[in-house]
Amino acid sequence: MIRTVTLIGSGNVAHNLGVALQNKGLKVNEVFSRTKKNAKLLAEKLDANFIDELALLNQESDLYIVASSDNSIAQIASQIRLKDKILVHTSGSVEMEVLRNSSNFVGCFYPLQTFTKDHQTDFSEVPVCIESNNEKTLSKLENLSQKLTARTIHMSSIQRQKLHLAAVFVSNFVNYMQVIGQDLCKEQGVEFELLKPLIREVFDKNELRTARENQTGPALRGDSFTMNRHLEILKKDKQLYKLYSLISDMIESRKF
């Protein structure tokens, strides 16, 4: 059973996961960050020790969680030798195998959610995708996940990478579409609040039917008159003009 944890990282995921695990009775022994100030801030929040050198990493925890940026996981793993301790990362896009030389018991513990330090996420409905190189470790990770959420899914690295790609489209890209919408409204002194009921309606409908079934708009209708007017508005912004044209073409060419 996993009772104690070391967090390797002090960013958004580490903050949210650390607090969530602590709230479920686990003890966070230590927090590592290359930035000592960040390690100290999270460690104080979790009543844990903190370090800023991996060479000082304790060897006493049941589970070591690499909750760092995707491009730093391999480098961090190359500096860790845990042998018989469980080592996982929280990335959706990095394969589990990157940890194989760092411990005999490795895996992935990927919470499918967007996190920020200033908002503690309720994990009860967050899907957690787990993977391991052996059944015993997988069972321990499953038990841990079930303390946090009702939605634990066994998933291979390939499946998780495709899921993460999908998440970028439905979360990061969708959010950026709202950034564009806010900017367009601001240019004309129009309140973005006017669009919020529409935004809510889109996502409420997608709870009932598939997004494909709910697609609407001028591109789906083949309404070239409206699309040309939109493009006329965007003609001074080459990037938005290209983006609008590309998305409209994709909607028109797909079978709905």
Protein backbone atom coordinates (compact mmCIF):
# COMPACT_ATOMS: atom_id res chain seq x y z
CA MET A 1 0.00 0.00 0.00
CA ILE A 2 1.19 3.51 -0.80
CA ARG A 3 1.26 5.71 2.28
CA THR A 4 4.09 8.17 1.65
CA VAL A 5 4.96 10.25 -1.40
CA THR A 6 7.80 12.38 -2.73
CA LEU A 7 6.89 15.04 -5.29
CA ILE A 8 9.48 15.80 -7.95
CA GLY A 9 8.21 19.11 -9.23
CA SER A 10 6.42 22.11 -7.80
CA GLY A 11 4.18 23.30 -10.62
CA ASN A 12 0.44 23.22 -11.19
CA VAL A 13 0.05 19.43 -11.19
CA ALA A 14 2.29 18.97 -8.14
CA HIS A 15 0.35 21.57 -6.17
CA ASN A 16 -3.06 20.06 -6.93
CA LEU A 17 -2.02 16.42 -6.65
CA GLY A 18 -0.01 16.99 -3.48
CA VAL A 19 -2.94 18.64 -1.70
CA ALA A 20 -5.38 16.00 -2.97
CA LEU A 21 -3.19 13.15 -1.70
CA GLN A 22 -2.66 14.86 1.63
CA ASN A 23 -6.42 15.33 1.99
CA LYS A 24 -6.83 11.57 1.54
CA GLY A 25 -4.44 10.81 4.38
CA LEU A 26 -1.17 10.27 2.55
CA LYS A 27 2.01 11.84 3.84
CA VAL A 28 4.08 13.94 1.45
CA ASN A 29 7.62 13.45 2.70
CA GLU A 30 9.50 15.73 0.35
CA VAL A 31 9.21 18.20 -2.51
CA PHE A 32 11.92 18.73 -5.10
CA SER A 33 12.28 21.71 -7.39
CA ARG A 34 15.33 23.20 -9.04
CA THR A 35 13.99 26.54 -7.84
CA LYS A 36 14.45 26.43 -4.08
CA LYS A 37 11.78 29.08 -3.44
CA ASN A 38 9.15 27.02 -5.30
CA ALA A 39 10.11 23.82 -3.48
CA LYS A 40 9.87 25.61 -0.14
CA LEU A 41 6.46 27.15 -0.89
CA LEU A 42 4.85 23.83 -1.79
CA ALA A 43 6.63 21.94 0.99
CA GLU A 44 5.32 24.39 3.58
CA LYS A 45 1.81 23.92 2.19
CA LEU A 46 2.15 20.15 2.56
CA ASP A 47 4.18 20.10 5.79
CA ALA A 48 7.02 18.38 3.95
CA ASN A 49 10.78 18.70 3.56
CA PHE A 50 12.15 20.37 0.45
CA ILE A 51 15.29 20.03 -1.66
CA ASP A 52 16.67 21.65 -4.82
CA GLU A 53 19.17 18.92 -5.75
CA LEU A 54 18.14 15.45 -6.93
CA ALA A 55 21.28 14.00 -5.35
CA LEU A 56 19.66 14.75 -1.98
CA LEU A 57 16.45 12.86 -2.81
CA ASN A 58 15.23 10.78 0.11
CA GLN A 59 14.91 7.01 -0.29
CA GLU A 60 12.11 6.52 2.24
CA SER A 61 8.88 7.19 0.32
CA ASP A 62 6.61 4.51 -1.13
CA LEU A 63 5.94 6.51 -4.29
CA TYR A 64 7.94 9.09 -6.24
CA ILE A 65 5.92 11.28 -8.60
CA VAL A 66 7.65 13.20 -11.37
CA ALA A 67 5.22 16.09 -11.86
CA SER A 68 7.33 18.30 -14.09
CA SER A 69 7.25 19.64 -17.63
CA ASP A 70 7.21 16.94 -20.30
CA ASN A 71 10.55 17.97 -21.75
CA SER A 72 12.31 17.61 -18.39
CA ILE A 73 11.10 14.12 -17.42
CA ALA A 74 13.85 12.19 -19.21
CA GLN A 75 16.55 14.41 -17.76
CA ILE A 76 15.16 14.05 -14.26
CA ALA A 77 14.82 10.28 -14.65
CA SER A 78 18.47 10.01 -15.73
CA GLN A 79 19.51 11.42 -12.34
CA ILE A 80 17.36 9.13 -10.20
CA ARG A 81 18.17 5.62 -8.97
CA LEU A 82 15.41 4.25 -6.75
CA LYS A 83 15.72 0.52 -7.44
CA ASP A 84 12.71 -0.95 -5.60
CA LYS A 85 10.61 2.19 -5.08
CA ILE A 86 7.65 3.05 -7.30
CA LEU A 87 8.42 5.86 -9.74
CA VAL A 88 5.75 7.43 -11.97
CA HIS A 89 5.28 10.53 -14.04
CA THR A 90 2.07 12.49 -14.58
CA SER A 91 2.45 13.29 -18.27
CA GLY A 92 -0.09 12.49 -20.93
CA SER A 93 2.38 12.67 -23.81
CA VAL A 94 5.52 10.95 -22.47
CA GLU A 95 5.83 7.17 -22.63
CA MET A 96 6.31 5.20 -19.42
CA GLU A 97 9.55 3.65 -20.73
CA VAL A 98 11.46 6.88 -20.13
CA LEU A 99 11.61 5.86 -16.43
CA ARG A 100 12.75 2.26 -16.94
CA ASN A 101 16.40 2.77 -15.92
CA SER A 102 15.50 4.69 -12.77
CA SER A 103 13.56 2.01 -10.89
CA ASN A 104 12.37 -1.58 -11.17
CA PHE A 105 8.81 -0.40 -10.60
CA VAL A 106 7.69 2.36 -12.93
CA GLY A 107 4.46 3.69 -14.31
CA CYS A 108 2.29 6.61 -15.24
CA PHE A 109 -0.32 8.39 -13.11
CA TYR A 110 -1.96 10.86 -15.48
CA PRO A 111 -4.85 12.98 -14.17
CA LEU A 112 -6.77 14.22 -17.20
CA GLN A 113 -7.49 17.79 -16.18
CA THR A 114 -6.14 21.32 -16.50
CA PHE A 115 -4.57 22.63 -13.29
CA THR A 116 -3.53 25.98 -11.84
CA LYS A 117 -1.82 26.68 -8.52
CA ASP A 118 -4.45 29.16 -7.37
CA HIS A 119 -7.37 26.75 -7.73
CA GLN A 120 -7.57 23.39 -6.00
CA THR A 121 -9.23 20.92 -8.35
CA ASP A 122 -11.83 18.50 -7.06
CA PHE A 123 -10.37 15.14 -8.06
CA SER A 124 -13.56 13.16 -7.45
CA GLU A 125 -14.55 13.34 -11.14
CA VAL A 126 -11.10 13.66 -12.70
CA PRO A 127 -10.21 10.63 -14.85
CA VAL A 128 -6.84 9.19 -13.83
CA CYS A 129 -5.07 7.07 -16.46
CA ILE A 130 -2.61 4.56 -15.03
CA GLU A 131 0.02 2.27 -16.49
CA SER A 132 2.85 0.19 -15.05
CA ASN A 133 5.54 -2.28 -16.04
CA ASN A 134 4.16 -4.92 -13.64
CA GLU A 135 0.83 -6.00 -12.21
CA LYS A 136 1.74 -5.49 -8.54
CA THR A 137 2.62 -1.85 -9.08
CA LEU A 138 -0.43 -1.35 -11.29
CA SER A 139 -2.64 -2.62 -8.48
CA LYS A 140 -1.05 -0.19 -6.01
CA LEU A 141 -1.52 2.72 -8.40
CA GLU A 142 -5.12 1.70 -8.93
CA ASN A 143 -5.77 1.66 -5.19
CA LEU A 144 -4.20 5.08 -4.88
CA SER A 145 -6.22 6.49 -7.76
CA GLN A 146 -9.44 5.11 -6.30
CA LYS A 147 -8.85 7.17 -3.17
CA LEU A 148 -8.99 10.29 -5.32
CA THR A 149 -11.53 9.53 -8.02
CA ALA A 150 -14.23 7.17 -9.19
CA ARG A 151 -12.73 7.17 -12.69
CA THR A 152 -9.53 5.10 -12.93
CA ILE A 153 -8.58 3.83 -16.39
CA HIS A 154 -5.83 1.39 -17.39
CA MET A 155 -4.25 2.84 -20.51
CA SER A 156 -1.16 2.18 -22.60
CA SER A 157 1.34 4.92 -23.44
CA ILE A 158 0.11 5.04 -27.04
CA GLN A 159 -3.52 5.37 -25.97
CA ARG A 160 -2.61 8.04 -23.40
CA GLN A 161 -0.66 10.06 -25.97
CA LYS A 162 -3.64 10.09 -28.34
CA LEU A 163 -5.93 11.04 -25.47
CA HIS A 164 -3.59 13.87 -24.53
CA LEU A 165 -3.66 15.10 -28.12
CA ALA A 166 -7.45 15.08 -27.99
CA ALA A 167 -7.29 17.00 -24.71
CA VAL A 168 -5.19 19.72 -26.33
CA PHE A 169 -7.87 20.18 -28.99
CA VAL A 170 -10.86 20.23 -26.62
CA SER A 171 -9.20 22.27 -23.87
CA ASN A 172 -6.18 24.34 -24.86
CA PHE A 173 -7.31 25.09 -28.40
CA VAL A 174 -10.93 25.70 -27.38
CA ASN A 175 -9.75 28.09 -24.68
CA TYR A 176 -7.63 29.94 -27.24
CA MET A 177 -10.70 30.33 -29.43
CA GLN A 178 -12.22 32.21 -26.49
CA VAL A 179 -9.11 34.37 -26.27
CA ILE A 180 -9.72 35.32 -29.91
CA GLY A 181 -13.38 35.95 -29.17
CA GLN A 182 -12.50 38.20 -26.25
CA ASP A 183 -10.10 40.18 -28.42
CA LEU A 184 -12.67 40.64 -31.20
CA CYS A 185 -15.25 41.86 -28.70
CA LYS A 186 -12.78 44.20 -27.05
CA GLU A 187 -11.89 45.77 -30.40
CA GLN A 188 -15.49 46.91 -30.80
CA GLY A 189 -16.29 47.63 -27.16
CA VAL A 190 -18.71 44.70 -26.97
CA GLU A 191 -19.07 42.78 -23.70
CA PHE A 192 -17.71 39.24 -23.94
CA GLU A 193 -20.31 38.33 -21.27
CA LEU A 194 -22.87 38.28 -24.07
CA LEU A 195 -21.22 35.12 -25.44
CA LYS A 196 -21.18 33.17 -22.18
CA PRO A 197 -24.72 31.72 -22.47
CA LEU A 198 -23.74 30.48 -25.94
CA ILE A 199 -20.56 28.91 -24.61
CA ARG A 200 -22.48 27.16 -21.83
CA GLU A 201 -25.12 25.92 -24.27
CA VAL A 202 -22.50 24.33 -26.53
CA PHE A 203 -21.00 22.32 -23.68
CA ASP A 204 -24.38 21.48 -22.13
CA LYS A 205 -25.53 20.02 -25.45
CA ASN A 206 -22.35 18.00 -25.75
CA GLU A 207 -23.31 16.30 -22.50
CA LEU A 208 -26.41 14.95 -24.24
CA ARG A 209 -25.17 14.19 -27.76
CA THR A 210 -21.86 13.97 -29.60
CA ALA A 211 -20.07 17.13 -30.68
CA ARG A 212 -20.38 15.91 -34.28
CA GLU A 213 -24.18 15.80 -33.94
CA ASN A 214 -24.23 19.27 -32.40
CA GLN A 215 -22.10 21.03 -35.01
CA THR A 216 -23.77 24.15 -36.42
CA GLY A 217 -22.64 27.35 -38.12
CA PRO A 218 -22.14 28.89 -41.56
CA ALA A 219 -19.45 26.42 -42.67
CA LEU A 220 -21.71 23.43 -42.03
CA ARG A 221 -24.55 25.14 -43.91
CA GLY A 222 -22.29 26.11 -46.79
CA ASP A 223 -23.23 29.73 -46.16
CA SER A 224 -20.58 31.39 -48.30
CA PHE A 225 -22.23 34.82 -47.99
CA THR A 226 -21.72 34.91 -44.21
CA MET A 227 -18.26 33.36 -44.35
CA ASN A 228 -17.12 35.93 -46.92
CA ARG A 229 -18.34 38.75 -44.70
CA HIS A 230 -16.40 37.29 -41.79
CA LEU A 231 -13.29 36.98 -43.92
CA GLU A 232 -13.68 40.58 -45.01
CA ILE A 233 -13.58 41.62 -41.35
CA LEU A 234 -10.46 39.52 -40.80
CA LYS A 235 -8.57 40.51 -43.95
CA LYS A 236 -6.11 42.73 -42.05
CA ASP A 237 -5.17 39.92 -39.70
CA LYS A 238 -3.52 37.29 -41.89
CA GLN A 239 -3.27 34.68 -39.12
CA LEU A 240 -6.94 34.86 -38.14
CA TYR A 241 -7.96 34.98 -41.80
CA LYS A 242 -6.01 31.79 -42.43
CA LEU A 243 -7.32 30.13 -39.25
CA TYR A 244 -10.95 30.95 -40.05
CA SER A 245 -10.53 29.69 -43.62
CA LEU A 246 -8.81 26.47 -42.53
CA ILE A 247 -11.37 25.55 -39.88
CA SER A 248 -14.27 26.42 -42.18
CA ASP A 249 -12.79 24.28 -44.96
CA MET A 250 -12.33 21.38 -42.55
CA ILE A 251 -15.95 21.61 -41.38
CA GLU A 252 -17.22 21.82 -44.96
CA SER A 253 -15.16 18.82 -46.07
CA ARG A 254 -15.99 16.52 -43.15
CA LYS A 255 -19.08 14.33 -43.24
CA PHE A 256 -21.55 15.37 -40.56
